[in-house]
Amino acid sequence: FAANYVAEDTIRRMRLIMAAYTAIAVLLA
């Protein structure tokens, strides 16, 4: 799923994914 989701609108969706990932990673750190 992640492969196809990112392939379709790559920069915008990678920005979305990494914003959420960074938020939880910083919180947990």
Full PDB file with SEQRES, HELIX, SHEET, SSBOND, CRYST1, ORIGX, SCALE, CONECT and MASTER records, all heavy atoms in Angstrom:
SEQRES   1 A   29  PHE ALA ALA ASN TYR VAL ALA GLU ASP THR ILE ARG ARG          
SEQRES   2 A   29  MET ARG LEU ILE MET ALA ALA TYR THR ALA ILE ALA VAL          
SEQRES   3 A   29  LEU LEU ALA                                                  
HELIX    1 AA1 ALA A    2  GLU A    8  1                                   7    
HELIX    2 AA2 THR A   10  LEU A   28  1                                  19    
CRYST1    1.000    1.000    1.000  90.00  90.00  90.00 P 1           1          
ORIGX1      1.000000  0.000000  0.000000        0.00000                         
ORIGX2      0.000000  1.000000  0.000000        0.00000                         
ORIGX3      0.000000  0.000000  1.000000        0.00000                         
SCALE1      1.000000  0.000000  0.000000        0.00000                         
SCALE2      0.000000  1.000000  0.000000        0.00000                         
SCALE3      0.000000  0.000000  1.000000        0.00000                         
ATOM      1  N   PHE A   1       0.836  -1.202   0.000  1.00  0.00           N  
ATOM      2  CA  PHE A   1       0.000   0.000   0.000  1.00  0.00           C  
ATOM      3  C   PHE A   1       0.871   1.253   0.000  1.00  0.00           C  
ATOM      4  O   PHE A   1       0.641   2.187  -0.775  1.00  0.00           O  
ATOM      5  CB  PHE A   1      -0.927   0.015   1.216  1.00  0.00           C  
ATOM      6  CG  PHE A   1      -1.588   1.361   1.420  1.00  0.00           C  
ATOM      7  CD1 PHE A   1      -2.659   1.734   0.631  1.00  0.00           C  
ATOM      8  CD2 PHE A   1      -1.104   2.257   2.367  1.00  0.00           C  
ATOM      9  CE1 PHE A   1      -3.255   2.988   0.790  1.00  0.00           C  
ATOM     10  CE2 PHE A   1      -1.685   3.504   2.525  1.00  0.00           C  
ATOM     11  CZ  PHE A   1      -2.761   3.864   1.738  1.00  0.00           C  
ATOM     12  N   ALA A   2       1.866   1.298   0.890  1.00  0.00           N  
ATOM     13  CA  ALA A   2       2.717   2.490   0.991  1.00  0.00           C  
ATOM     14  C   ALA A   2       3.431   2.769  -0.323  1.00  0.00           C  
ATOM     15  O   ALA A   2       3.566   3.933  -0.740  1.00  0.00           O  
ATOM     16  CB  ALA A   2       3.732   2.310   2.116  1.00  0.00           C  
ATOM     17  N   ALA A   3       3.872   1.715  -1.009  1.00  0.00           N  
ATOM     18  CA  ALA A   3       4.567   1.895  -2.289  1.00  0.00           C  
ATOM     19  C   ALA A   3       3.670   2.581  -3.308  1.00  0.00           C  
ATOM     20  O   ALA A   3       4.089   3.526  -3.992  1.00  0.00           O  
ATOM     21  CB  ALA A   3       5.043   0.543  -2.816  1.00  0.00           C  
ATOM     22  N   ASN A   4       2.443   2.124  -3.444  1.00  0.00           N  
ATOM     23  CA  ASN A   4       1.529   2.704  -4.432  1.00  0.00           C  
ATOM     24  C   ASN A   4       1.029   4.081  -4.006  1.00  0.00           C  
ATOM     25  O   ASN A   4       0.866   4.974  -4.848  1.00  0.00           O  
ATOM     26  CB  ASN A   4       0.348   1.751  -4.653  1.00  0.00           C  
ATOM     27  CG  ASN A   4       0.746   0.529  -5.450  1.00  0.00           C  
ATOM     28  OD1 ASN A   4       0.902   0.583  -6.660  1.00  0.00           O  
ATOM     29  ND2 ASN A   4       0.936  -0.586  -4.758  1.00  0.00           N  
ATOM     30  N   TYR A   5       0.799   4.252  -2.719  1.00  0.00           N  
ATOM     31  CA  TYR A   5       0.346   5.554  -2.212  1.00  0.00           C  
ATOM     32  C   TYR A   5       1.389   6.627  -2.499  1.00  0.00           C  
ATOM     33  O   TYR A   5       1.063   7.729  -2.962  1.00  0.00           O  
ATOM     34  CB  TYR A   5       0.081   5.433  -0.716  1.00  0.00           C  
ATOM     35  CG  TYR A   5      -0.342   6.716  -0.046  1.00  0.00           C  
ATOM     36  CD1 TYR A   5      -1.640   7.205  -0.192  1.00  0.00           C  
ATOM     37  CD2 TYR A   5       0.541   7.438   0.751  1.00  0.00           C  
ATOM     38  CE1 TYR A   5      -2.038   8.385   0.429  1.00  0.00           C  
ATOM     39  CE2 TYR A   5       0.157   8.607   1.380  1.00  0.00           C  
ATOM     40  CZ  TYR A   5      -1.132   9.076   1.210  1.00  0.00           C  
ATOM     41  OH  TYR A   5      -1.520  10.244   1.823  1.00  0.00           O  
ATOM     42  N   VAL A   6       2.656   6.326  -2.256  1.00  0.00           N  
ATOM     43  CA  VAL A   6       3.734   7.292  -2.469  1.00  0.00           C  
ATOM     44  C   VAL A   6       4.009   7.491  -3.951  1.00  0.00           C  
ATOM     45  O   VAL A   6       4.290   8.610  -4.401  1.00  0.00           O  
ATOM     46  CB  VAL A   6       5.003   6.833  -1.726  1.00  0.00           C  
ATOM     47  CG1 VAL A   6       6.220   7.618  -2.180  1.00  0.00           C  
ATOM     48  CG2 VAL A   6       4.808   6.971  -0.232  1.00  0.00           C  
ATOM     49  N   ALA A   7       3.923   6.427  -4.745  1.00  0.00           N  
ATOM     50  CA  ALA A   7       4.214   6.534  -6.175  1.00  0.00           C  
ATOM     51  C   ALA A   7       3.265   7.491  -6.884  1.00  0.00           C  
ATOM     52  O   ALA A   7       3.630   8.124  -7.875  1.00  0.00           O  
ATOM     53  CB  ALA A   7       4.140   5.152  -6.825  1.00  0.00           C  
ATOM     54  N   GLU A   8       2.057   7.634  -6.381  1.00  0.00           N  
ATOM     55  CA  GLU A   8       1.017   8.404  -7.069  1.00  0.00           C  
ATOM     56  C   GLU A   8       1.207   9.914  -6.944  1.00  0.00           C  
ATOM     57  O   GLU A   8       0.917  10.667  -7.874  1.00  0.00           O  
ATOM     58  CB  GLU A   8      -0.355   7.998  -6.510  1.00  0.00           C  
ATOM     59  CG  GLU A   8      -1.522   8.488  -7.318  1.00  0.00           C  
ATOM     60  CD  GLU A   8      -2.821   7.848  -6.867  1.00  0.00           C  
ATOM     61  OE1 GLU A   8      -3.294   8.167  -5.766  1.00  0.00           O  
ATOM     62  OE2 GLU A   8      -3.342   7.002  -7.615  1.00  0.00           O  
ATOM     63  N   ASP A   9       1.648  10.388  -5.784  1.00  0.00           N  
ATOM     64  CA  ASP A   9       1.816  11.827  -5.548  1.00  0.00           C  
ATOM     65  C   ASP A   9       3.010  11.971  -4.599  1.00  0.00           C  
ATOM     66  O   ASP A   9       2.848  12.263  -3.419  1.00  0.00           O  
ATOM     67  CB  ASP A   9       0.535  12.394  -4.938  1.00  0.00           C  
ATOM     68  CG  ASP A   9       0.530  13.910  -4.865  1.00  0.00           C  
ATOM     69  OD1 ASP A   9       1.551  14.530  -5.243  1.00  0.00           O  
ATOM     70  OD2 ASP A   9      -0.472  14.488  -4.411  1.00  0.00           O  
ATOM     71  N   THR A  10       4.194  11.775  -5.137  1.00  0.00           N  
ATOM     72  CA  THR A  10       5.342  11.395  -4.317  1.00  0.00           C  
ATOM     73  C   THR A  10       5.767  12.449  -3.305  1.00  0.00           C  
ATOM     74  O   THR A  10       5.841  12.167  -2.099  1.00  0.00           O  
ATOM     75  CB  THR A  10       6.528  11.032  -5.237  1.00  0.00           C  
ATOM     76  OG1 THR A  10       6.081  10.053  -6.177  1.00  0.00           O  
ATOM     77  CG2 THR A  10       7.677  10.468  -4.426  1.00  0.00           C  
ATOM     78  N   ILE A  11       6.083  13.644  -3.747  1.00  0.00           N  
ATOM     79  CA  ILE A  11       6.641  14.633  -2.821  1.00  0.00           C  
ATOM     80  C   ILE A  11       5.622  15.040  -1.772  1.00  0.00           C  
ATOM     81  O   ILE A  11       5.927  15.088  -0.570  1.00  0.00           O  
ATOM     82  CB  ILE A  11       7.166  15.855  -3.594  1.00  0.00           C  
ATOM     83  CG1 ILE A  11       8.400  15.462  -4.428  1.00  0.00           C  
ATOM     84  CG2 ILE A  11       7.518  16.990  -2.642  1.00  0.00           C  
ATOM     85  CD1 ILE A  11       8.966  16.575  -5.279  1.00  0.00           C  
ATOM     86  N   ARG A  12       4.392  15.313  -2.193  1.00  0.00           N  
ATOM     87  CA  ARG A  12       3.378  15.745  -1.228  1.00  0.00           C  
ATOM     88  C   ARG A  12       3.093  14.654  -0.202  1.00  0.00           C  
ATOM     89  O   ARG A  12       2.998  14.925   1.005  1.00  0.00           O  
ATOM     90  CB  ARG A  12       2.087  16.129  -1.967  1.00  0.00           C  
ATOM     91  CG  ARG A  12       1.036  16.764  -1.048  1.00  0.00           C  
ATOM     92  CD  ARG A  12      -0.246  17.049  -1.805  1.00  0.00           C  
ATOM     93  NE  ARG A  12      -0.932  15.825  -2.177  1.00  0.00           N  
ATOM     94  CZ  ARG A  12      -1.732  15.137  -1.367  1.00  0.00           C  
ATOM     95  NH1 ARG A  12      -1.921  15.553  -0.114  1.00  0.00           N  
ATOM     96  NH2 ARG A  12      -2.343  14.052  -1.771  1.00  0.00           N  
ATOM     97  N   ARG A  13       2.954  13.414  -0.665  1.00  0.00           N  
ATOM     98  CA  ARG A  13       2.610  12.340   0.262  1.00  0.00           C  
ATOM     99  C   ARG A  13       3.797  11.930   1.135  1.00  0.00           C  
ATOM    100  O   ARG A  13       3.611  11.552   2.295  1.00  0.00           O  
ATOM    101  CB  ARG A  13       2.044  11.149  -0.513  1.00  0.00           C  
ATOM    102  CG  ARG A  13       0.631  11.444  -1.022  1.00  0.00           C  
ATOM    103  CD  ARG A  13       0.037  10.310  -1.825  1.00  0.00           C  
ATOM    104  NE  ARG A  13      -1.375  10.578  -2.119  1.00  0.00           N  
ATOM    105  CZ  ARG A  13      -2.129   9.825  -2.905  1.00  0.00           C  
ATOM    106  NH1 ARG A  13      -1.613   8.741  -3.484  1.00  0.00           N  
ATOM    107  NH2 ARG A  13      -3.397  10.136  -3.106  1.00  0.00           N  
ATOM    108  N   MET A  14       5.013  12.012   0.603  1.00  0.00           N  
ATOM    109  CA  MET A  14       6.172  11.763   1.449  1.00  0.00           C  
ATOM    110  C   MET A  14       6.278  12.842   2.528  1.00  0.00           C  
ATOM    111  O   MET A  14       6.650  12.554   3.674  1.00  0.00           O  
ATOM    112  CB  MET A  14       7.449  11.731   0.610  1.00  0.00           C  
ATOM    113  CG  MET A  14       7.724  10.395  -0.052  1.00  0.00           C  
ATOM    114  SD  MET A  14       8.064   9.058   1.137  1.00  0.00           S  
ATOM    115  CE  MET A  14       9.573   9.655   1.909  1.00  0.00           C  
ATOM    116  N   ARG A  15       5.957  14.075   2.169  1.00  0.00           N  
ATOM    117  CA  ARG A  15       5.975  15.148   3.166  1.00  0.00           C  
ATOM    118  C   ARG A  15       4.951  14.866   4.266  1.00  0.00           C  
ATOM    119  O   ARG A  15       5.231  15.056   5.457  1.00  0.00           O  
ATOM    120  CB  ARG A  15       5.693  16.486   2.481  1.00  0.00           C  
ATOM    121  CG  ARG A  15       5.757  17.679   3.435  1.00  0.00           C  
ATOM    122  CD  ARG A  15       5.598  19.002   2.717  1.00  0.00           C  
ATOM    123  NE  ARG A  15       6.795  19.318   1.934  1.00  0.00           N  
ATOM    124  CZ  ARG A  15       6.836  19.387   0.624  1.00  0.00           C  
ATOM    125  NH1 ARG A  15       5.730  19.142  -0.086  1.00  0.00           N  
ATOM    126  NH2 ARG A  15       7.944  19.689  -0.009  1.00  0.00           N  
ATOM    127  N   LEU A  16       3.780  14.399   3.876  1.00  0.00           N  
ATOM    128  CA  LEU A  16       2.727  14.068   4.843  1.00  0.00           C  
ATOM    129  C   LEU A  16       3.191  12.934   5.771  1.00  0.00           C  
ATOM    130  O   LEU A  16       3.063  13.020   7.001  1.00  0.00           O  
ATOM    131  CB  LEU A  16       1.460  13.654   4.092  1.00  0.00           C  
ATOM    132  CG  LEU A  16       0.323  13.082   4.938  1.00  0.00           C  
ATOM    133  CD1 LEU A  16      -0.417  14.214   5.632  1.00  0.00           C  
ATOM    134  CD2 LEU A  16      -0.650  12.287   4.067  1.00  0.00           C  
ATOM    135  N   ILE A  17       3.722  11.873   5.174  1.00  0.00           N  
ATOM    136  CA  ILE A  17       4.158  10.711   5.953  1.00  0.00           C  
ATOM    137  C   ILE A  17       5.271  11.090   6.917  1.00  0.00           C  
ATOM    138  O   ILE A  17       5.244  10.731   8.105  1.00  0.00           O  
ATOM    139  CB  ILE A  17       4.607   9.579   5.011  1.00  0.00           C  
ATOM    140  CG1 ILE A  17       3.386   8.952   4.331  1.00  0.00           C  
ATOM    141  CG2 ILE A  17       5.401   8.514   5.762  1.00  0.00           C  
ATOM    142  CD1 ILE A  17       3.725   7.969   3.229  1.00  0.00           C  
ATOM    143  N   MET A  18       6.260  11.836   6.442  1.00  0.00           N  
ATOM    144  CA  MET A  18       7.388  12.165   7.290  1.00  0.00           C  
ATOM    145  C   MET A  18       7.030  13.198   8.354  1.00  0.00           C  
ATOM    146  O   MET A  18       7.631  13.213   9.427  1.00  0.00           O  
ATOM    147  CB  MET A  18       8.570  12.644   6.454  1.00  0.00           C  
ATOM    148  CG  MET A  18       9.230  11.534   5.638  1.00  0.00           C  
ATOM    149  SD  MET A  18       9.543  10.006   6.587  1.00  0.00           S  
ATOM    150  CE  MET A  18      10.514  10.628   7.965  1.00  0.00           C  
ATOM    151  N   ALA A  19       6.045  14.034   8.090  1.00  0.00           N  
ATOM    152  CA  ALA A  19       5.588  14.967   9.130  1.00  0.00           C  
ATOM    153  C   ALA A  19       4.973  14.188  10.287  1.00  0.00           C  
ATOM    154  O   ALA A  19       5.256  14.466  11.469  1.00  0.00           O  
ATOM    155  CB  ALA A  19       4.580  15.950   8.548  1.00  0.00           C  
ATOM    156  N   ALA A  20       4.114  13.212   9.967  1.00  0.00           N  
ATOM    157  CA  ALA A  20       3.500  12.391  11.011  1.00  0.00           C  
ATOM    158  C   ALA A  20       4.540  11.533  11.718  1.00  0.00           C  
ATOM    159  O   ALA A  20       4.514  11.393  12.952  1.00  0.00           O  
ATOM    160  CB  ALA A  20       2.410  11.505  10.400  1.00  0.00           C  
ATOM    161  N   TYR A  21       5.462  10.956  10.949  1.00  0.00           N  
ATOM    162  CA  TYR A  21       6.508  10.102  11.514  1.00  0.00           C  
ATOM    163  C   TYR A  21       7.408  10.917  12.437  1.00  0.00           C  
ATOM    164  O   TYR A  21       7.741  10.495  13.559  1.00  0.00           O  
ATOM    165  CB  TYR A  21       7.318   9.479  10.366  1.00  0.00           C  
ATOM    166  CG  TYR A  21       8.166   8.285  10.742  1.00  0.00           C  
ATOM    167  CD1 TYR A  21       8.409   7.280   9.809  1.00  0.00           C  
ATOM    168  CD2 TYR A  21       8.763   8.153  11.987  1.00  0.00           C  
ATOM    169  CE1 TYR A  21       9.197   6.173  10.121  1.00  0.00           C  
ATOM    170  CE2 TYR A  21       9.551   7.060  12.314  1.00  0.00           C  
ATOM    171  CZ  TYR A  21       9.770   6.078  11.373  1.00  0.00           C  
ATOM    172  OH  TYR A  21      10.547   4.993  11.676  1.00  0.00           O  
ATOM    173  N   THR A  22       7.817  12.102  11.996  1.00  0.00           N  
ATOM    174  CA  THR A  22       8.690  12.941  12.809  1.00  0.00           C  
ATOM    175  C   THR A  22       8.000  13.372  14.089  1.00  0.00           C  
ATOM    176  O   THR A  22       8.615  13.396  15.167  1.00  0.00           O  
ATOM    177  CB  THR A  22       9.139  14.177  12.010  1.00  0.00           C  
ATOM    178  OG1 THR A  22       9.814  13.752  10.820  1.00  0.00           O  
ATOM    179  CG2 THR A  22      10.065  15.053  12.830  1.00  0.00           C  
ATOM    180  N   ALA A  23       6.707  13.688  13.993  1.00  0.00           N  
ATOM    181  CA  ALA A  23       5.959  14.124  15.177  1.00  0.00           C  
ATOM    182  C   ALA A  23       5.949  13.037  16.248  1.00  0.00           C  
ATOM    183  O   ALA A  23       6.242  13.305  17.422  1.00  0.00           O  
ATOM    184  CB  ALA A  23       4.533  14.494  14.779  1.00  0.00           C  
ATOM    185  N   ILE A  24       5.627  11.797  15.877  1.00  0.00           N  
ATOM    186  CA  ILE A  24       5.576  10.730  16.878  1.00  0.00           C  
ATOM    187  C   ILE A  24       6.972  10.367  17.352  1.00  0.00           C  
ATOM    188  O   ILE A  24       7.184  10.067  18.531  1.00  0.00           O  
ATOM    189  CB  ILE A  24       4.822   9.493  16.324  1.00  0.00           C  
ATOM    190  CG1 ILE A  24       4.620   8.449  17.428  1.00  0.00           C  
ATOM    191  CG2 ILE A  24       5.533   8.875  15.133  1.00  0.00           C  
ATOM    192  CD1 ILE A  24       3.799   8.914  18.604  1.00  0.00           C  
ATOM    193  N   ALA A  25       7.969  10.425  16.462  1.00  0.00           N  
ATOM    194  CA  ALA A  25       9.337  10.087  16.858  1.00  0.00           C  
ATOM    195  C   ALA A  25       9.884  11.094  17.876  1.00  0.00           C  
ATOM    196  O   ALA A  25      10.490  10.702  18.885  1.00  0.00           O  
ATOM    197  CB  ALA A  25      10.242  10.026  15.628  1.00  0.00           C  
ATOM    198  N   VAL A  26       9.678  12.378  17.617  1.00  0.00           N  
ATOM    199  CA  VAL A  26      10.137  13.412  18.555  1.00  0.00           C  
ATOM    200  C   VAL A  26       9.414  13.276  19.890  1.00  0.00           C  
ATOM    201  O   VAL A  26      10.038  13.355  20.965  1.00  0.00           O  
ATOM    202  CB  VAL A  26       9.935  14.814  17.956  1.00  0.00           C  
ATOM    203  CG1 VAL A  26      10.138  15.894  19.016  1.00  0.00           C  
ATOM    204  CG2 VAL A  26      10.898  15.040  16.791  1.00  0.00           C  
ATOM    205  N   LEU A  27       8.106  13.053  19.846  1.00  0.00           N  
ATOM    206  CA  LEU A  27       7.326  12.887  21.072  1.00  0.00           C  
ATOM    207  C   LEU A  27       7.854  11.711  21.898  1.00  0.00           C  
ATOM    208  O   LEU A  27       8.052  11.817  23.114  1.00  0.00           O  
ATOM    209  CB  LEU A  27       5.855  12.681  20.728  1.00  0.00           C  
ATOM    210  CG  LEU A  27       4.911  12.396  21.905  1.00  0.00           C  
ATOM    211  CD1 LEU A  27       4.909  13.570  22.880  1.00  0.00           C  
ATOM    212  CD2 LEU A  27       3.494  12.112  21.402  1.00  0.00           C  
ATOM    213  N   LEU A  28       8.099  10.583  21.233  1.00  0.00           N  
ATOM    214  CA  LEU A  28       8.558   9.395  21.949  1.00  0.00           C  
ATOM    215  C   LEU A  28       9.995   9.557  22.439  1.00  0.00           C  
ATOM    216  O   LEU A  28      10.348   9.032  23.502  1.00  0.00           O  
ATOM    217  CB  LEU A  28       8.445   8.165  21.054  1.00  0.00           C  
ATOM    218  CG  LEU A  28       7.022   7.768  20.657  1.00  0.00           C  
ATOM    219  CD1 LEU A  28       7.025   6.474  19.859  1.00  0.00           C  
ATOM    220  CD2 LEU A  28       6.135   7.631  21.882  1.00  0.00           C  
ATOM    221  N   ALA A  29      10.836  10.263  21.673  1.00  0.00           N  
ATOM    222  CA  ALA A  29      12.203  10.515  22.130  1.00  0.00           C  
ATOM    223  C   ALA A  29      12.189  11.355  23.406  1.00  0.00           C  
ATOM    224  O   ALA A  29      12.963  11.106  24.345  1.00  0.00           O  
ATOM    225  CB  ALA A  29      13.005  11.215  21.039  1.00  0.00           C  
TER     226      ALA A  29                                                      
MASTER        0    0    0    2    0    0    0    6  225    1    0    3          
END                                                                             
